[in-house]
């Protein structure tokens, strides 16, 4: 039986997307997302905020870094992913992130101007799961399907 791991979140950016590049030239943007929930208890409004780390790869990450800013209300569709790493001090850490498949502005209380970007790749634009699109021929897949040979953060 196939398992589905899809999440859709709507919230506000807690910081501008930070764009970095792996040694292979693949872009990766990371940012925080605050998701607010308001509800009433005994006639009094309560508010709960959940914070999520979002990671967007390749063209999606580059477009996010060029388009999004702290405070923007956006919609994120992606998957939850947990990973472990070790700090420079040797401490083991676990982190759960949303790996974005698609991002967009929330139009509930705003308007947006969409600008299509032409790409030089053969697929005619859109998300490219491969590298930076500047090389010819097939690329060897990275050893780690998410972070390649390095940890981007």
N, C-alpha and C. Protein backbone atom coordinates (compact mmCIF):
# COMPACT_ATOMS: atom_id res chain seq x y z
N UNK A 1 0.84 -1.17 0.00
CA UNK A 1 0.00 0.00 0.00
C UNK A 1 0.89 1.24 0.00
N UNK A 2 0.59 2.18 -0.87
CA UNK A 2 1.38 3.41 -0.98
C UNK A 2 1.05 4.34 0.19
N UNK A 3 2.07 4.98 0.70
CA UNK A 3 1.90 5.94 1.78
C UNK A 3 1.99 7.34 1.19
N UNK A 4 1.13 8.21 1.67
CA UNK A 4 1.15 9.59 1.19
C UNK A 4 1.63 10.49 2.32
N UNK A 5 2.58 11.34 2.01
CA UNK A 5 3.14 12.26 2.99
C UNK A 5 3.07 13.66 2.40
N UNK A 6 1.88 14.22 2.35
CA UNK A 6 1.69 15.54 1.77
C UNK A 6 1.10 16.47 2.82
N UNK A 7 1.64 17.68 2.88
CA UNK A 7 1.15 18.67 3.82
C UNK A 7 0.98 19.99 3.07
N UNK A 8 -0.07 20.72 3.41
CA UNK A 8 -0.30 22.07 2.87
C UNK A 8 -0.45 23.01 4.06
N UNK A 9 0.37 24.05 4.06
CA UNK A 9 0.36 25.02 5.15
C UNK A 9 0.17 26.42 4.58
N UNK A 10 -0.57 27.25 5.29
CA UNK A 10 -0.70 28.66 4.95
C UNK A 10 -0.26 29.45 6.17
N UNK A 11 0.70 30.35 5.96
CA UNK A 11 1.21 31.13 7.07
C UNK A 11 2.07 32.28 6.59
N UNK A 12 2.74 32.92 7.55
CA UNK A 12 3.57 34.08 7.26
C UNK A 12 5.04 33.75 7.42
N UNK A 13 5.86 34.27 6.50
CA UNK A 13 7.31 34.06 6.60
C UNK A 13 7.84 34.77 7.83
N UNK A 14 8.67 34.07 8.60
CA UNK A 14 9.26 34.66 9.80
C UNK A 14 10.58 35.34 9.49
N UNK A 15 11.13 35.09 8.30
CA UNK A 15 12.36 35.74 7.85
C UNK A 15 12.44 35.63 6.34
N UNK A 16 13.27 36.46 5.73
CA UNK A 16 13.49 36.36 4.29
C UNK A 16 14.10 35.00 3.97
N UNK A 17 13.74 34.39 2.83
CA UNK A 17 14.37 33.13 2.45
C UNK A 17 15.88 33.30 2.32
N UNK A 18 16.63 32.34 2.83
CA UNK A 18 18.08 32.35 2.74
C UNK A 18 18.48 31.38 1.63
N UNK A 19 19.09 31.92 0.59
CA UNK A 19 19.47 31.11 -0.57
C UNK A 19 20.93 30.73 -0.47
N UNK A 20 21.19 29.45 -0.61
CA UNK A 20 22.56 28.92 -0.64
C UNK A 20 22.68 27.99 -1.82
N UNK A 21 23.90 27.60 -2.09
CA UNK A 21 24.15 26.66 -3.19
C UNK A 21 25.03 25.53 -2.69
N UNK A 22 24.72 24.31 -3.14
CA UNK A 22 25.56 23.18 -2.82
C UNK A 22 26.83 23.28 -3.65
N UNK A 23 27.82 22.45 -3.35
CA UNK A 23 29.06 22.48 -4.14
C UNK A 23 28.79 22.11 -5.59
N UNK A 24 27.72 21.38 -5.84
CA UNK A 24 27.35 21.03 -7.21
C UNK A 24 26.59 22.12 -7.93
N UNK A 25 26.32 23.26 -7.26
CA UNK A 25 25.65 24.38 -7.91
C UNK A 25 24.14 24.36 -7.78
N UNK A 26 23.59 23.45 -7.00
CA UNK A 26 22.14 23.37 -6.85
C UNK A 26 21.68 24.34 -5.77
N UNK A 27 20.71 25.19 -6.09
CA UNK A 27 20.21 26.17 -5.15
C UNK A 27 19.28 25.55 -4.12
N UNK A 28 19.32 26.09 -2.91
CA UNK A 28 18.42 25.65 -1.85
C UNK A 28 18.09 26.86 -0.97
N UNK A 29 16.81 27.13 -0.82
CA UNK A 29 16.36 28.25 0.01
C UNK A 29 15.68 27.68 1.25
N UNK A 30 15.93 28.33 2.37
CA UNK A 30 15.28 27.92 3.62
C UNK A 30 14.68 29.15 4.28
N UNK A 31 13.54 28.93 4.95
CA UNK A 31 12.89 30.02 5.66
C UNK A 31 11.94 29.45 6.69
N UNK A 32 11.53 30.29 7.61
CA UNK A 32 10.58 29.90 8.63
C UNK A 32 9.17 30.31 8.25
N UNK A 33 8.20 29.53 8.71
CA UNK A 33 6.80 29.81 8.44
C UNK A 33 6.02 29.74 9.75
N UNK A 34 5.27 30.79 10.07
CA UNK A 34 4.43 30.82 11.26
C UNK A 34 2.98 30.60 10.82
N UNK A 35 2.36 29.59 11.39
CA UNK A 35 0.98 29.26 11.07
C UNK A 35 0.13 29.55 12.30
N UNK A 36 -0.79 30.51 12.17
CA UNK A 36 -1.63 30.94 13.28
C UNK A 36 -2.98 30.25 13.23
N UNK A 37 -3.51 29.98 14.41
CA UNK A 37 -4.85 29.41 14.54
C UNK A 37 -5.58 30.15 15.63
N UNK A 38 -6.76 30.70 15.31
CA UNK A 38 -7.57 31.41 16.30
C UNK A 38 -8.81 30.58 16.59
N UNK A 39 -9.16 30.52 17.86
CA UNK A 39 -10.35 29.80 18.27
C UNK A 39 -10.89 30.44 19.55
N UNK A 40 -12.16 30.13 19.85
CA UNK A 40 -12.79 30.71 21.03
C UNK A 40 -12.94 29.68 22.13
N UNK A 41 -12.65 30.11 23.36
CA UNK A 41 -12.88 29.32 24.56
C UNK A 41 -13.70 30.19 25.51
N UNK A 42 -14.92 29.74 25.82
CA UNK A 42 -15.83 30.49 26.70
C UNK A 42 -16.01 31.94 26.24
N UNK A 43 -16.15 32.13 24.93
CA UNK A 43 -16.38 33.46 24.38
C UNK A 43 -15.15 34.33 24.27
N UNK A 44 -13.98 33.82 24.66
CA UNK A 44 -12.74 34.59 24.59
C UNK A 44 -11.84 34.01 23.50
N UNK A 45 -11.29 34.89 22.67
CA UNK A 45 -10.43 34.45 21.58
C UNK A 45 -9.07 34.01 22.09
N UNK A 46 -8.62 32.88 21.61
CA UNK A 46 -7.30 32.32 21.91
C UNK A 46 -6.53 32.22 20.59
N UNK A 47 -5.23 32.32 20.69
CA UNK A 47 -4.42 32.19 19.48
C UNK A 47 -3.27 31.22 19.74
N UNK A 48 -3.05 30.34 18.78
CA UNK A 48 -1.97 29.37 18.85
C UNK A 48 -1.11 29.53 17.59
N UNK A 49 0.20 29.54 17.77
CA UNK A 49 1.11 29.69 16.63
C UNK A 49 2.03 28.48 16.58
N UNK A 50 2.15 27.90 15.39
CA UNK A 50 3.09 26.80 15.15
C UNK A 50 4.13 27.29 14.17
N UNK A 51 5.39 26.92 14.40
CA UNK A 51 6.49 27.35 13.55
C UNK A 51 7.06 26.15 12.80
N UNK A 52 7.31 26.34 11.50
CA UNK A 52 7.83 25.28 10.65
C UNK A 52 9.04 25.80 9.87
N UNK A 53 10.03 24.92 9.67
CA UNK A 53 11.15 25.22 8.78
C UNK A 53 10.80 24.67 7.41
N UNK A 54 10.97 25.49 6.38
CA UNK A 54 10.64 25.11 5.01
C UNK A 54 11.92 25.15 4.17
N UNK A 55 12.09 24.15 3.31
CA UNK A 55 13.25 24.06 2.42
C UNK A 55 12.73 23.91 0.99
N UNK A 56 13.22 24.74 0.09
CA UNK A 56 12.83 24.69 -1.32
C UNK A 56 14.09 24.56 -2.17
N UNK A 57 14.11 23.58 -3.06
CA UNK A 57 15.29 23.26 -3.86
C UNK A 57 15.20 23.80 -5.28
N UNK A 58 16.35 23.97 -5.89
CA UNK A 58 16.52 24.29 -7.32
C UNK A 58 15.77 25.57 -7.70
N UNK A 59 15.08 25.54 -8.83
CA UNK A 59 14.39 26.74 -9.33
C UNK A 59 13.36 27.26 -8.33
N UNK A 60 12.66 26.35 -7.66
CA UNK A 60 11.67 26.77 -6.68
C UNK A 60 12.32 27.59 -5.57
N UNK A 61 13.46 27.14 -5.09
CA UNK A 61 14.18 27.88 -4.05
C UNK A 61 14.69 29.22 -4.53
N UNK A 62 15.23 29.24 -5.74
CA UNK A 62 15.74 30.50 -6.30
C UNK A 62 14.60 31.49 -6.51
N UNK A 63 13.45 31.01 -7.01
CA UNK A 63 12.30 31.89 -7.21
C UNK A 63 11.75 32.38 -5.88
N UNK A 64 11.74 31.53 -4.87
CA UNK A 64 11.27 31.93 -3.55
C UNK A 64 12.16 33.03 -2.98
N UNK A 65 13.47 32.86 -3.10
CA UNK A 65 14.40 33.86 -2.57
C UNK A 65 14.25 35.20 -3.30
N UNK A 66 13.94 35.16 -4.59
CA UNK A 66 13.79 36.39 -5.36
C UNK A 66 12.42 37.06 -5.15
N UNK A 67 11.42 36.30 -4.69
CA UNK A 67 10.05 36.81 -4.65
C UNK A 67 9.49 37.04 -3.26
N UNK A 68 9.93 36.28 -2.28
CA UNK A 68 9.29 36.29 -0.97
C UNK A 68 10.10 37.07 0.05
N UNK A 69 9.38 37.67 1.00
CA UNK A 69 10.02 38.45 2.05
C UNK A 69 9.33 38.21 3.38
N UNK A 70 10.04 38.51 4.45
CA UNK A 70 9.51 38.36 5.79
C UNK A 70 8.13 39.02 5.88
N UNK A 71 7.19 38.30 6.47
CA UNK A 71 5.84 38.81 6.64
C UNK A 71 4.88 38.40 5.54
N UNK A 72 5.38 38.00 4.37
CA UNK A 72 4.48 37.58 3.29
C UNK A 72 3.65 36.38 3.74
N UNK A 73 2.38 36.39 3.36
CA UNK A 73 1.51 35.25 3.62
C UNK A 73 1.56 34.34 2.40
N UNK A 74 1.95 33.07 2.62
CA UNK A 74 2.12 32.16 1.49
C UNK A 74 1.43 30.83 1.77
N UNK A 75 1.28 30.04 0.71
CA UNK A 75 0.77 28.68 0.78
C UNK A 75 1.92 27.76 0.36
N UNK A 76 2.20 26.76 1.18
CA UNK A 76 3.28 25.81 0.91
C UNK A 76 2.67 24.42 0.79
N UNK A 77 3.00 23.72 -0.28
CA UNK A 77 2.63 22.32 -0.43
C UNK A 77 3.92 21.53 -0.51
N UNK A 78 4.00 20.47 0.25
CA UNK A 78 5.22 19.67 0.24
C UNK A 78 5.07 18.43 1.08
N UNK A 79 6.21 17.95 1.59
CA UNK A 79 6.19 16.74 2.40
C UNK A 79 7.01 16.97 3.66
N UNK A 80 6.64 16.30 4.73
CA UNK A 80 7.40 16.36 5.96
C UNK A 80 8.58 15.40 5.86
N UNK A 81 9.70 15.86 6.32
CA UNK A 81 10.89 15.01 6.29
C UNK A 81 11.68 15.25 7.56
N UNK A 82 12.12 14.16 8.16
CA UNK A 82 12.93 14.24 9.37
C UNK A 82 14.34 13.81 9.02
N UNK A 83 15.31 14.53 9.58
CA UNK A 83 16.71 14.17 9.36
C UNK A 83 17.48 14.39 10.64
N UNK A 84 18.60 13.72 10.74
CA UNK A 84 19.47 13.85 11.90
C UNK A 84 20.82 14.38 11.44
N UNK A 85 21.47 15.12 12.32
CA UNK A 85 22.80 15.61 12.02
C UNK A 85 23.54 15.79 13.33
N UNK A 86 24.84 16.00 13.21
CA UNK A 86 25.67 16.19 14.39
C UNK A 86 26.27 17.59 14.35
N UNK A 87 26.19 18.31 15.47
CA UNK A 87 26.73 19.66 15.55
C UNK A 87 28.26 19.60 15.59
N UNK A 88 28.87 20.77 15.44
CA UNK A 88 30.34 20.82 15.51
C UNK A 88 30.85 20.38 16.88
N UNK A 89 30.00 20.53 17.89
CA UNK A 89 30.37 20.11 19.24
C UNK A 89 30.13 18.63 19.48
N UNK A 90 29.63 17.91 18.46
CA UNK A 90 29.40 16.48 18.57
C UNK A 90 28.03 16.09 19.10
N UNK A 91 27.13 17.05 19.27
CA UNK A 91 25.78 16.75 19.75
C UNK A 91 24.90 16.30 18.59
N UNK A 92 24.11 15.25 18.82
CA UNK A 92 23.20 14.76 17.79
C UNK A 92 21.89 15.54 17.87
N UNK A 93 21.39 15.95 16.71
CA UNK A 93 20.15 16.73 16.63
C UNK A 93 19.23 16.09 15.60
N UNK A 94 17.94 16.22 15.84
CA UNK A 94 16.91 15.81 14.89
C UNK A 94 16.11 17.04 14.52
N UNK A 95 15.73 17.11 13.27
CA UNK A 95 14.93 18.24 12.81
C UNK A 95 13.88 17.71 11.83
N UNK A 96 12.67 18.28 11.92
CA UNK A 96 11.61 17.97 10.98
C UNK A 96 11.37 19.21 10.13
N UNK A 97 11.39 19.04 8.81
CA UNK A 97 11.24 20.16 7.88
C UNK A 97 10.13 19.86 6.89
N UNK A 98 9.63 20.92 6.28
CA UNK A 98 8.72 20.79 5.15
C UNK A 98 9.57 20.98 3.90
N UNK A 99 9.66 19.95 3.07
CA UNK A 99 10.37 20.05 1.79
C UNK A 99 9.31 20.48 0.77
N UNK A 100 9.44 21.71 0.30
CA UNK A 100 8.40 22.31 -0.56
C UNK A 100 8.40 21.71 -1.95
N UNK A 101 7.22 21.36 -2.42
CA UNK A 101 7.01 20.97 -3.81
C UNK A 101 6.49 22.16 -4.61
N UNK A 102 5.76 23.06 -3.92
CA UNK A 102 5.21 24.23 -4.59
C UNK A 102 4.97 25.32 -3.54
N UNK A 103 5.13 26.56 -3.97
CA UNK A 103 4.93 27.73 -3.11
C UNK A 103 4.13 28.76 -3.88
N UNK A 104 3.37 29.55 -3.15
CA UNK A 104 2.66 30.64 -3.81
C UNK A 104 2.14 31.62 -2.80
N UNK A 105 1.84 32.83 -3.25
CA UNK A 105 1.28 33.82 -2.33
C UNK A 105 -0.16 33.44 -1.96
N UNK A 106 -0.54 33.74 -0.74
CA UNK A 106 -1.94 33.59 -0.36
C UNK A 106 -2.68 34.83 -0.85
N UNK A 107 -3.75 34.62 -1.57
CA UNK A 107 -4.49 35.74 -2.14
C UNK A 107 -5.75 36.07 -1.34
N UNK A 108 -5.84 35.56 -0.12
CA UNK A 108 -7.00 35.85 0.72
C UNK A 108 -7.09 37.33 1.04
N UNK A 109 -5.96 37.95 1.40
CA UNK A 109 -5.96 39.37 1.77
C UNK A 109 -4.95 40.18 0.96
N UNK A 110 -4.55 39.67 -0.20
CA UNK A 110 -3.56 40.37 -1.01
C UNK A 110 -3.76 40.05 -2.48
N UNK A 111 -3.10 40.83 -3.31
CA UNK A 111 -3.06 40.57 -4.74
C UNK A 111 -1.60 40.32 -5.11
N UNK A 112 -1.39 39.57 -6.18
CA UNK A 112 -0.02 39.28 -6.62
C UNK A 112 0.08 39.44 -8.12
N UNK A 113 1.24 39.84 -8.56
CA UNK A 113 1.55 39.94 -9.98
C UNK A 113 2.47 38.77 -10.31
N UNK A 114 2.06 37.89 -11.19
CA UNK A 114 2.85 36.71 -11.54
C UNK A 114 3.66 37.02 -12.79
N UNK A 115 4.94 36.71 -12.73
CA UNK A 115 5.83 36.91 -13.86
C UNK A 115 6.46 35.57 -14.23
N UNK A 116 6.17 35.08 -15.42
CA UNK A 116 6.73 33.81 -15.86
C UNK A 116 8.18 34.02 -16.26
N UNK A 117 9.03 33.10 -15.85
CA UNK A 117 10.45 33.18 -16.16
C UNK A 117 10.76 32.16 -17.25
N UNK A 118 11.38 32.62 -18.33
CA UNK A 118 11.76 31.67 -19.37
C UNK A 118 13.05 30.98 -18.97
N UNK A 119 13.13 29.72 -19.21
CA UNK A 119 14.30 28.91 -18.87
C UNK A 119 14.95 28.42 -20.15
N UNK A 120 16.26 28.22 -20.07
CA UNK A 120 17.00 27.70 -21.22
C UNK A 120 16.96 26.19 -21.29
N UNK A 121 16.32 25.54 -20.31
CA UNK A 121 16.31 24.08 -20.28
C UNK A 121 15.32 23.54 -21.28
N UNK A 122 15.46 22.27 -21.60
CA UNK A 122 14.62 21.62 -22.60
C UNK A 122 13.20 21.42 -22.12
N UNK A 123 12.96 21.44 -20.80
CA UNK A 123 11.62 21.17 -20.30
C UNK A 123 10.70 22.39 -20.41
N UNK A 124 11.21 23.52 -20.85
CA UNK A 124 10.38 24.68 -21.09
C UNK A 124 10.04 25.48 -19.85
N UNK A 125 10.74 25.27 -18.77
CA UNK A 125 10.49 26.05 -17.57
C UNK A 125 9.90 25.22 -16.46
N UNK A 126 9.53 25.88 -15.41
CA UNK A 126 8.96 25.19 -14.26
C UNK A 126 10.03 24.55 -13.41
N UNK A 127 9.62 23.67 -12.53
CA UNK A 127 10.55 23.03 -11.61
C UNK A 127 11.43 22.05 -12.34
N UNK A 128 12.69 22.13 -12.06
CA UNK A 128 13.65 21.20 -12.61
C UNK A 128 14.25 20.43 -11.47
N UNK A 129 14.08 19.14 -11.44
CA UNK A 129 14.60 18.33 -10.35
C UNK A 129 16.09 18.17 -10.41
N UNK A 130 16.72 18.54 -11.51
CA UNK A 130 18.16 18.37 -11.66
C UNK A 130 18.94 19.53 -11.12
N UNK A 131 20.13 19.73 -11.68
CA UNK A 131 21.03 20.77 -11.20
C UNK A 131 20.61 22.15 -11.65
N UNK A 132 21.60 22.99 -11.90
CA UNK A 132 21.31 24.39 -12.20
C UNK A 132 20.82 24.60 -13.62
N UNK A 133 20.81 23.57 -14.46
CA UNK A 133 20.32 23.72 -15.82
C UNK A 133 21.35 24.30 -16.76
N UNK A 134 22.60 24.46 -16.30
CA UNK A 134 23.58 25.09 -17.15
C UNK A 134 24.51 24.08 -17.82
N UNK A 135 24.36 22.83 -17.51
CA UNK A 135 25.26 21.84 -18.09
C UNK A 135 24.56 21.01 -19.12
N UNK A 136 25.32 20.45 -20.01
CA UNK A 136 24.76 19.56 -21.01
C UNK A 136 24.91 18.13 -20.57
N UNK A 137 24.05 17.26 -21.07
CA UNK A 137 24.17 15.85 -20.75
C UNK A 137 23.57 15.52 -19.41
N UNK A 138 23.57 14.23 -19.12
CA UNK A 138 22.98 13.77 -17.87
C UNK A 138 23.94 13.99 -16.71
N UNK A 139 23.37 14.29 -15.55
CA UNK A 139 24.17 14.48 -14.36
C UNK A 139 24.07 13.24 -13.50
N UNK A 140 25.16 12.91 -12.83
CA UNK A 140 25.16 11.79 -11.90
C UNK A 140 24.37 12.21 -10.67
N UNK A 141 23.42 11.38 -10.22
CA UNK A 141 22.66 11.77 -9.03
C UNK A 141 23.56 11.84 -7.81
N UNK A 142 23.22 12.77 -6.91
CA UNK A 142 24.00 12.94 -5.69
C UNK A 142 23.81 11.72 -4.79
N UNK A 143 24.76 11.48 -3.91
CA UNK A 143 24.68 10.32 -3.04
C UNK A 143 23.49 10.41 -2.09
N UNK A 144 23.17 11.61 -1.60
CA UNK A 144 22.01 11.82 -0.75
C UNK A 144 20.96 12.52 -1.59
N UNK A 145 19.75 11.95 -1.73
CA UNK A 145 18.76 12.55 -2.62
C UNK A 145 18.30 13.92 -2.19
N UNK A 146 18.50 14.29 -0.93
CA UNK A 146 18.05 15.60 -0.47
C UNK A 146 19.19 16.59 -0.43
N UNK A 147 20.31 16.26 0.20
CA UNK A 147 21.38 17.23 0.41
C UNK A 147 22.64 16.96 -0.38
N UNK A 148 22.67 15.94 -1.21
CA UNK A 148 23.87 15.68 -1.98
C UNK A 148 25.03 15.29 -1.09
N UNK A 149 26.19 15.81 -1.38
CA UNK A 149 27.39 15.46 -0.63
C UNK A 149 27.66 16.37 0.55
N UNK A 150 26.79 17.34 0.79
CA UNK A 150 27.04 18.28 1.88
C UNK A 150 25.76 18.63 2.59
N UNK A 151 25.90 19.12 3.80
CA UNK A 151 24.76 19.64 4.53
C UNK A 151 24.70 21.14 4.25
N UNK A 152 23.60 21.64 3.69
CA UNK A 152 23.56 23.03 3.23
C UNK A 152 23.46 24.06 4.34
N UNK A 153 23.23 23.66 5.57
CA UNK A 153 23.04 24.65 6.63
C UNK A 153 24.10 24.54 7.67
